[in-house]
Amino acid sequence: TYFGTSAPFLLACRKDGLVPREIADLSALRG
């Protein structure tokens, strides 16, 4: 329900063109 990580990881995902909501069911995630 709460996913914590680093800013560089989020930026790497962005740069890679990743769309997490399309590859995983994140319906439980709220933070």
PDB file of all heavy atoms in Angstrom:
ATOM      1  N   THR A   1       0.823  -1.213   0.000  1.00  0.00           N
ATOM      2  CA  THR A   1       0.000   0.000   0.000  1.00  0.00           C
ATOM      3  C   THR A   1       0.856   1.262   0.000  1.00  0.00           C
ATOM      4  O   THR A   1       0.378   2.334  -0.384  1.00  0.00           O
ATOM      5  CB  THR A   1      -0.943   0.036   1.215  1.00  0.00           C
ATOM      6  OG1 THR A   1      -0.153   0.019   2.422  1.00  0.00           O
ATOM      7  CG2 THR A   1      -1.884  -1.154   1.216  1.00  0.00           C
ATOM      8  N   TYR A   2       2.117   1.149   0.455  1.00  0.00           N
ATOM      9  CA  TYR A   2       3.026   2.297   0.430  1.00  0.00           C
ATOM     10  C   TYR A   2       4.354   1.837  -0.146  1.00  0.00           C
ATOM     11  O   TYR A   2       5.011   0.947   0.408  1.00  0.00           O
ATOM     12  CB  TYR A   2       3.231   2.887   1.828  1.00  0.00           C
ATOM     13  CG  TYR A   2       3.794   4.289   1.790  1.00  0.00           C
ATOM     14  CD1 TYR A   2       2.968   5.388   1.971  1.00  0.00           C
ATOM     15  CD2 TYR A   2       5.144   4.516   1.538  1.00  0.00           C
ATOM     16  CE1 TYR A   2       3.469   6.689   1.902  1.00  0.00           C
ATOM     17  CE2 TYR A   2       5.656   5.795   1.463  1.00  0.00           C
ATOM     18  CZ  TYR A   2       4.814   6.875   1.647  1.00  0.00           C
ATOM     19  OH  TYR A   2       5.310   8.157   1.568  1.00  0.00           O
ATOM     20  N   PHE A   3       4.748   2.455  -1.269  1.00  0.00           N
ATOM     21  CA  PHE A   3       5.943   2.052  -2.017  1.00  0.00           C
ATOM     22  C   PHE A   3       6.993   3.145  -1.885  1.00  0.00           C
ATOM     23  O   PHE A   3       6.837   4.238  -2.420  1.00  0.00           O
ATOM     24  CB  PHE A   3       5.568   1.854  -3.485  1.00  0.00           C
ATOM     25  CG  PHE A   3       6.686   1.389  -4.384  1.00  0.00           C
ATOM     26  CD1 PHE A   3       6.814   0.041  -4.693  1.00  0.00           C
ATOM     27  CD2 PHE A   3       7.581   2.284  -4.946  1.00  0.00           C
ATOM     28  CE1 PHE A   3       7.827  -0.398  -5.548  1.00  0.00           C
ATOM     29  CE2 PHE A   3       8.598   1.862  -5.790  1.00  0.00           C
ATOM     30  CZ  PHE A   3       8.721   0.511  -6.091  1.00  0.00           C
ATOM     31  N   GLY A   4       8.067   2.865  -1.148  1.00  0.00           N
ATOM     32  CA  GLY A   4       9.135   3.829  -0.968  1.00  0.00           C
ATOM     33  C   GLY A   4      10.368   3.433  -1.757  1.00  0.00           C
ATOM     34  O   GLY A   4      10.709   2.255  -1.873  1.00  0.00           O
ATOM     35  N   THR A   5      11.048   4.423  -2.307  1.00  0.00           N
ATOM     36  CA  THR A   5      12.236   4.155  -3.097  1.00  0.00           C
ATOM     37  C   THR A   5      13.079   5.423  -3.148  1.00  0.00           C
ATOM     38  O   THR A   5      12.867   6.363  -2.378  1.00  0.00           O
ATOM     39  CB  THR A   5      11.858   3.669  -4.510  1.00  0.00           C
ATOM     40  OG1 THR A   5      13.036   3.303  -5.225  1.00  0.00           O
ATOM     41  CG2 THR A   5      11.094   4.726  -5.283  1.00  0.00           C
ATOM     42  N   SER A   6      14.036   5.467  -4.052  1.00  0.00           N
ATOM     43  CA  SER A   6      14.887   6.645  -4.207  1.00  0.00           C
ATOM     44  C   SER A   6      14.462   7.436  -5.435  1.00  0.00           C
ATOM     45  O   SER A   6      13.897   6.893  -6.386  1.00  0.00           O
ATOM     46  CB  SER A   6      16.349   6.230  -4.355  1.00  0.00           C
ATOM     47  OG  SER A   6      16.533   5.520  -5.572  1.00  0.00           O
ATOM     48  N   ALA A   7      14.789   8.725  -5.422  1.00  0.00           N
ATOM     49  CA  ALA A   7      14.509   9.551  -6.593  1.00  0.00           C
ATOM     50  C   ALA A   7      15.237   9.030  -7.837  1.00  0.00           C
ATOM     51  O   ALA A   7      14.642   8.982  -8.920  1.00  0.00           O
ATOM     52  CB  ALA A   7      14.876  10.998  -6.300  1.00  0.00           C
ATOM     53  N   PRO A   8      16.515   8.621  -7.741  1.00  0.00           N
ATOM     54  CA  PRO A   8      17.165   8.089  -8.941  1.00  0.00           C
ATOM     55  C   PRO A   8      16.454   6.876  -9.530  1.00  0.00           C
ATOM     56  O   PRO A   8      16.435   6.709 -10.757  1.00  0.00           O
ATOM     57  CB  PRO A   8      18.572   7.727  -8.447  1.00  0.00           C
ATOM     58  CG  PRO A   8      18.823   8.688  -7.331  1.00  0.00           C
ATOM     59  CD  PRO A   8      17.493   8.833  -6.641  1.00  0.00           C
ATOM     60  N   PHE A   9      15.856   6.015  -8.694  1.00  0.00           N
ATOM     61  CA  PHE A   9      15.128   4.867  -9.228  1.00  0.00           C
ATOM     62  C   PHE A   9      13.901   5.325 -10.017  1.00  0.00           C
ATOM     63  O   PHE A   9      13.628   4.825 -11.118  1.00  0.00           O
ATOM     64  CB  PHE A   9      14.707   3.925  -8.100  1.00  0.00           C
ATOM     65  CG  PHE A   9      13.866   2.765  -8.575  1.00  0.00           C
ATOM     66  CD1 PHE A   9      14.451   1.675  -9.194  1.00  0.00           C
ATOM     67  CD2 PHE A   9      12.484   2.776  -8.424  1.00  0.00           C
ATOM     68  CE1 PHE A   9      13.675   0.612  -9.652  1.00  0.00           C
ATOM     69  CE2 PHE A   9      11.700   1.725  -8.874  1.00  0.00           C
ATOM     70  CZ  PHE A   9      12.303   0.643  -9.496  1.00  0.00           C
ATOM     71  N   LEU A  10      13.148   6.266  -9.468  1.00  0.00           N
ATOM     72  CA  LEU A  10      11.965   6.762 -10.178  1.00  0.00           C
ATOM     73  C   LEU A  10      12.364   7.413 -11.501  1.00  0.00           C
ATOM     74  O   LEU A  10      11.698   7.215 -12.530  1.00  0.00           O
ATOM     75  CB  LEU A  10      11.207   7.759  -9.303  1.00  0.00           C
ATOM     76  CG  LEU A  10      10.589   7.202  -8.018  1.00  0.00           C
ATOM     77  CD1 LEU A  10       9.962   8.325  -7.202  1.00  0.00           C
ATOM     78  CD2 LEU A  10       9.551   6.124  -8.322  1.00  0.00           C
ATOM     79  N   LEU A  11      13.446   8.165 -11.493  1.00  0.00           N
ATOM     80  CA  LEU A  11      13.888   8.825 -12.721  1.00  0.00           C
ATOM     81  C   LEU A  11      14.402   7.808 -13.737  1.00  0.00           C
ATOM     82  O   LEU A  11      14.227   7.989 -14.952  1.00  0.00           O
ATOM     83  CB  LEU A  11      14.967   9.855 -12.395  1.00  0.00           C
ATOM     84  CG  LEU A  11      14.483  11.055 -11.565  1.00  0.00           C
ATOM     85  CD1 LEU A  11      15.656  11.930 -11.163  1.00  0.00           C
ATOM     86  CD2 LEU A  11      13.437  11.861 -12.331  1.00  0.00           C
ATOM     87  N   ALA A  12      15.023   6.743 -13.264  1.00  0.00           N
ATOM     88  CA  ALA A  12      15.469   5.690 -14.182  1.00  0.00           C
ATOM     89  C   ALA A  12      14.274   5.014 -14.842  1.00  0.00           C
ATOM     90  O   ALA A  12      14.298   4.714 -16.044  1.00  0.00           O
ATOM     91  CB  ALA A  12      16.323   4.667 -13.435  1.00  0.00           C
ATOM     92  N   CYS A  13      13.223   4.765 -14.059  1.00  0.00           N
ATOM     93  CA  CYS A  13      12.005   4.179 -14.630  1.00  0.00           C
ATOM     94  C   CYS A  13      11.412   5.107 -15.691  1.00  0.00           C
ATOM     95  O   CYS A  13      10.967   4.661 -16.759  1.00  0.00           O
ATOM     96  CB  CYS A  13      10.976   3.926 -13.531  1.00  0.00           C
ATOM     97  SG  CYS A  13      11.408   2.597 -12.383  1.00  0.00           S
ATOM     98  N   ARG A  14      11.386   6.390 -15.377  1.00  0.00           N
ATOM     99  CA  ARG A  14      10.861   7.367 -16.340  1.00  0.00           C
ATOM    100  C   ARG A  14      11.681   7.353 -17.620  1.00  0.00           C
ATOM    101  O   ARG A  14      11.126   7.329 -18.735  1.00  0.00           O
ATOM    102  CB  ARG A  14      10.872   8.757 -15.712  1.00  0.00           C
ATOM    103  CG  ARG A  14      10.536   9.888 -16.670  1.00  0.00           C
ATOM    104  CD  ARG A  14      10.655  11.252 -15.983  1.00  0.00           C
ATOM    105  NE  ARG A  14      10.429  12.327 -16.927  1.00  0.00           N
ATOM    106  CZ  ARG A  14      11.377  12.914 -17.641  1.00  0.00           C
ATOM    107  NH1 ARG A  14      12.633  12.499 -17.507  1.00  0.00           N
ATOM    108  NH2 ARG A  14      11.090  13.897 -18.482  1.00  0.00           N
ATOM    109  N   LYS A  15      12.999   7.381 -17.466  1.00  0.00           N
ATOM    110  CA  LYS A  15      13.874   7.437 -18.633  1.00  0.00           C
ATOM    111  C   LYS A  15      13.759   6.181 -19.482  1.00  0.00           C
ATOM    112  O   LYS A  15      13.917   6.216 -20.703  1.00  0.00           O
ATOM    113  CB  LYS A  15      15.316   7.637 -18.173  1.00  0.00           C
ATOM    114  CG  LYS A  15      16.256   8.118 -19.263  1.00  0.00           C
ATOM    115  CD  LYS A  15      17.528   8.679 -18.668  1.00  0.00           C
ATOM    116  CE  LYS A  15      18.353   9.390 -19.732  1.00  0.00           C
ATOM    117  NZ  LYS A  15      19.537  10.050 -19.155  1.00  0.00           N
ATOM    118  N   ASP A  16      13.450   5.063 -18.832  1.00  0.00           N
ATOM    119  CA  ASP A  16      13.298   3.785 -19.534  1.00  0.00           C
ATOM    120  C   ASP A  16      11.943   3.658 -20.226  1.00  0.00           C
ATOM    121  O   ASP A  16      11.700   2.675 -20.922  1.00  0.00           O
ATOM    122  CB  ASP A  16      13.489   2.639 -18.528  1.00  0.00           C
ATOM    123  CG  ASP A  16      13.814   1.320 -19.205  1.00  0.00           C
ATOM    124  OD1 ASP A  16      14.732   1.304 -20.040  1.00  0.00           O
ATOM    125  OD2 ASP A  16      13.145   0.317 -18.896  1.00  0.00           O
ATOM    126  N   GLY A  17      11.059   4.633 -20.010  1.00  0.00           N
ATOM    127  CA  GLY A  17       9.732   4.566 -20.615  1.00  0.00           C
ATOM    128  C   GLY A  17       8.794   3.610 -19.916  1.00  0.00           C
ATOM    129  O   GLY A  17       7.760   3.217 -20.483  1.00  0.00           O
ATOM    130  N   LEU A  18       9.096   3.238 -18.686  1.00  0.00           N
ATOM    131  CA  LEU A  18       8.285   2.270 -17.958  1.00  0.00           C
ATOM    132  C   LEU A  18       6.959   2.899 -17.515  1.00  0.00           C
ATOM    133  O   LEU A  18       6.926   4.050 -17.079  1.00  0.00           O
ATOM    134  CB  LEU A  18       9.058   1.781 -16.739  1.00  0.00           C
ATOM    135  CG  LEU A  18       8.445   0.616 -15.946  1.00  0.00           C
ATOM    136  CD1 LEU A  18       8.508  -0.662 -16.761  1.00  0.00           C
ATOM    137  CD2 LEU A  18       9.186   0.428 -14.619  1.00  0.00           C
ATOM    138  N   VAL A  19       5.901   2.123 -17.617  1.00  0.00           N
ATOM    139  CA  VAL A  19       4.584   2.534 -17.116  1.00  0.00           C
ATOM    140  C   VAL A  19       4.132   1.450 -16.137  1.00  0.00           C
ATOM    141  O   VAL A  19       3.496   0.471 -16.526  1.00  0.00           O
ATOM    142  CB  VAL A  19       3.564   2.716 -18.250  1.00  0.00           C
ATOM    143  CG1 VAL A  19       2.227   3.205 -17.691  1.00  0.00           C
ATOM    144  CG2 VAL A  19       4.091   3.699 -19.292  1.00  0.00           C
ATOM    145  N   PRO A  20       4.477   1.572 -14.857  1.00  0.00           N
ATOM    146  CA  PRO A  20       4.203   0.493 -13.895  1.00  0.00           C
ATOM    147  C   PRO A  20       2.741   0.066 -13.839  1.00  0.00           C
ATOM    148  O   PRO A  20       2.454  -1.125 -13.682  1.00  0.00           O
ATOM    149  CB  PRO A  20       4.664   1.094 -12.566  1.00  0.00           C
ATOM    150  CG  PRO A  20       5.733   2.053 -12.941  1.00  0.00           C
ATOM    151  CD  PRO A  20       5.266   2.660 -14.225  1.00  0.00           C
ATOM    152  N   ARG A  21       1.804   0.995 -13.958  1.00  0.00           N
ATOM    153  CA  ARG A  21       0.387   0.617 -13.847  1.00  0.00           C
ATOM    154  C   ARG A  21      -0.056  -0.274 -15.004  1.00  0.00           C
ATOM    155  O   ARG A  21      -1.107  -0.925 -14.912  1.00  0.00           O
ATOM    156  CB  ARG A  21      -0.491   1.862 -13.780  1.00  0.00           C
ATOM    157  CG  ARG A  21      -0.373   2.807 -14.957  1.00  0.00           C
ATOM    158  CD  ARG A  21      -1.285   4.016 -14.799  1.00  0.00           C
ATOM    159  NE  ARG A  21      -1.035   5.033 -15.799  1.00  0.00           N
ATOM    160  CZ  ARG A  21      -1.450   4.979 -17.057  1.00  0.00           C
ATOM    161  NH1 ARG A  21      -2.153   3.934 -17.469  1.00  0.00           N
ATOM    162  NH2 ARG A  21      -1.163   5.947 -17.909  1.00  0.00           N
ATOM    163  N   GLU A  22       0.757  -0.340 -16.076  1.00  0.00           N
ATOM    164  CA  GLU A  22       0.408  -1.205 -17.205  1.00  0.00           C
ATOM    165  C   GLU A  22       1.006  -2.603 -17.067  1.00  0.00           C
ATOM    166  O   GLU A  22       0.569  -3.527 -17.762  1.00  0.00           O
ATOM    167  CB  GLU A  22       0.876  -0.572 -18.515  1.00  0.00           C
ATOM    168  CG  GLU A  22       0.133   0.712 -18.876  1.00  0.00           C
ATOM    169  CD  GLU A  22       0.598   1.294 -20.201  1.00  0.00           C
ATOM    170  OE1 GLU A  22       1.573   0.748 -20.786  1.00  0.00           O
ATOM    171  OE2 GLU A  22       0.004   2.288 -20.652  1.00  0.00           O
ATOM    172  N   ILE A  23       2.004  -2.763 -16.200  1.00  0.00           N
ATOM    173  CA  ILE A  23       2.650  -4.074 -16.069  1.00  0.00           C
ATOM    174  C   ILE A  23       2.333  -4.756 -14.745  1.00  0.00           C
ATOM    175  O   ILE A  23       2.696  -5.913 -14.545  1.00  0.00           O
ATOM    176  CB  ILE A  23       4.183  -3.964 -16.225  1.00  0.00           C
ATOM    177  CG1 ILE A  23       4.786  -3.151 -15.073  1.00  0.00           C
ATOM    178  CG2 ILE A  23       4.555  -3.360 -17.571  1.00  0.00           C
ATOM    179  CD1 ILE A  23       6.289  -3.273 -14.955  1.00  0.00           C
ATOM    180  N   ALA A  24       1.679  -4.037 -13.823  1.00  0.00           N
ATOM    181  CA  ALA A  24       1.402  -4.602 -12.501  1.00  0.00           C
ATOM    182  C   ALA A  24       0.097  -4.038 -11.966  1.00  0.00           C
ATOM    183  O   ALA A  24      -0.267  -2.894 -12.257  1.00  0.00           O
ATOM    184  CB  ALA A  24       2.547  -4.286 -11.533  1.00  0.00           C
ATOM    185  N   ASP A  25      -0.600  -4.858 -11.193  1.00  0.00           N
ATOM    186  CA  ASP A  25      -1.839  -4.421 -10.554  1.00  0.00           C
ATOM    187  C   ASP A  25      -1.478  -3.642  -9.290  1.00  0.00           C
ATOM    188  O   ASP A  25      -1.155  -4.222  -8.266  1.00  0.00           O
ATOM    189  CB  ASP A  25      -2.701  -5.640 -10.207  1.00  0.00           C
ATOM    190  CG  ASP A  25      -3.988  -5.247  -9.476  1.00  0.00           C
ATOM    191  OD1 ASP A  25      -4.259  -4.037  -9.336  1.00  0.00           O
ATOM    192  OD2 ASP A  25      -4.715  -6.168  -9.037  1.00  0.00           O
ATOM    193  N   LEU A  26      -1.553  -2.318  -9.385  1.00  0.00           N
ATOM    194  CA  LEU A  26      -1.184  -1.451  -8.268  1.00  0.00           C
ATOM    195  C   LEU A  26      -2.418  -0.867  -7.591  1.00  0.00           C
ATOM    196  O   LEU A  26      -2.351   0.211  -6.986  1.00  0.00           O
ATOM    197  CB  LEU A  26      -0.265  -0.333  -8.765  1.00  0.00           C
ATOM    198  CG  LEU A  26       1.052  -0.789  -9.425  1.00  0.00           C
ATOM    199  CD1 LEU A  26       1.848   0.411  -9.918  1.00  0.00           C
ATOM    200  CD2 LEU A  26       1.887  -1.625  -8.462  1.00  0.00           C
ATOM    201  N   SER A  27      -3.516  -1.593  -7.658  1.00  0.00           N
ATOM    202  CA  SER A  27      -4.764  -1.068  -7.104  1.00  0.00           C
ATOM    203  C   SER A  27      -4.706  -0.888  -5.592  1.00  0.00           C
ATOM    204  O   SER A  27      -5.448  -0.073  -5.031  1.00  0.00           O
ATOM    205  CB  SER A  27      -5.932  -1.987  -7.473  1.00  0.00           C
ATOM    206  OG  SER A  27      -5.682  -3.321  -7.041  1.00  0.00           O
ATOM    207  N   ALA A  28      -3.833  -1.633  -4.908  1.00  0.00           N
ATOM    208  CA  ALA A  28      -3.716  -1.483  -3.452  1.00  0.00           C
ATOM    209  C   ALA A  28      -2.869  -0.279  -3.066  1.00  0.00           C
ATOM    210  O   ALA A  28      -2.908   0.176  -1.921  1.00  0.00           O
ATOM    211  CB  ALA A  28      -3.115  -2.749  -2.838  1.00  0.00           C
ATOM    212  N   LEU A  29      -2.098   0.256  -4.006  1.00  0.00           N
ATOM    213  CA  LEU A  29      -1.132   1.300  -3.701  1.00  0.00           C
ATOM    214  C   LEU A  29      -1.819   2.646  -3.489  1.00  0.00           C
ATOM    215  O   LEU A  29      -2.582   3.110  -4.336  1.00  0.00           O
ATOM    216  CB  LEU A  29      -0.134   1.417  -4.858  1.00  0.00           C
ATOM    217  CG  LEU A  29       1.111   2.266  -4.623  1.00  0.00           C
ATOM    218  CD1 LEU A  29       1.987   1.654  -3.547  1.00  0.00           C
ATOM    219  CD2 LEU A  29       1.902   2.402  -5.926  1.00  0.00           C
ATOM    220  N   ARG A  30      -1.528   3.275  -2.352  1.00  0.00           N
ATOM    221  CA  ARG A  30      -2.097   4.601  -2.104  1.00  0.00           C
ATOM    222  C   ARG A  30      -1.046   5.638  -1.719  1.00  0.00           C
ATOM    223  O   ARG A  30      -1.357   6.821  -1.603  1.00  0.00           O
ATOM    224  CB  ARG A  30      -3.172   4.538  -1.028  1.00  0.00           C
ATOM    225  CG  ARG A  30      -2.734   4.020   0.321  1.00  0.00           C
ATOM    226  CD  ARG A  30      -3.914   3.834   1.277  1.00  0.00           C
ATOM    227  NE  ARG A  30      -3.471   3.516   2.619  1.00  0.00           N
ATOM    228  CZ  ARG A  30      -3.114   4.413   3.529  1.00  0.00           C
ATOM    229  NH1 ARG A  30      -3.170   5.694   3.236  1.00  0.00           N
ATOM    230  NH2 ARG A  30      -2.722   4.052   4.732  1.00  0.00           N
ATOM    231  N   GLY A  31       0.204   5.211  -1.549  1.00  0.00           N
ATOM    232  CA  GLY A  31       1.271   6.150  -1.224  1.00  0.00           C
ATOM    233  C   GLY A  31       2.574   5.764  -1.884  1.00  0.00           C
ATOM    234  O   GLY A  31       2.890   4.578  -2.011  1.00  0.00           O
TER     235      GLY A  31
END
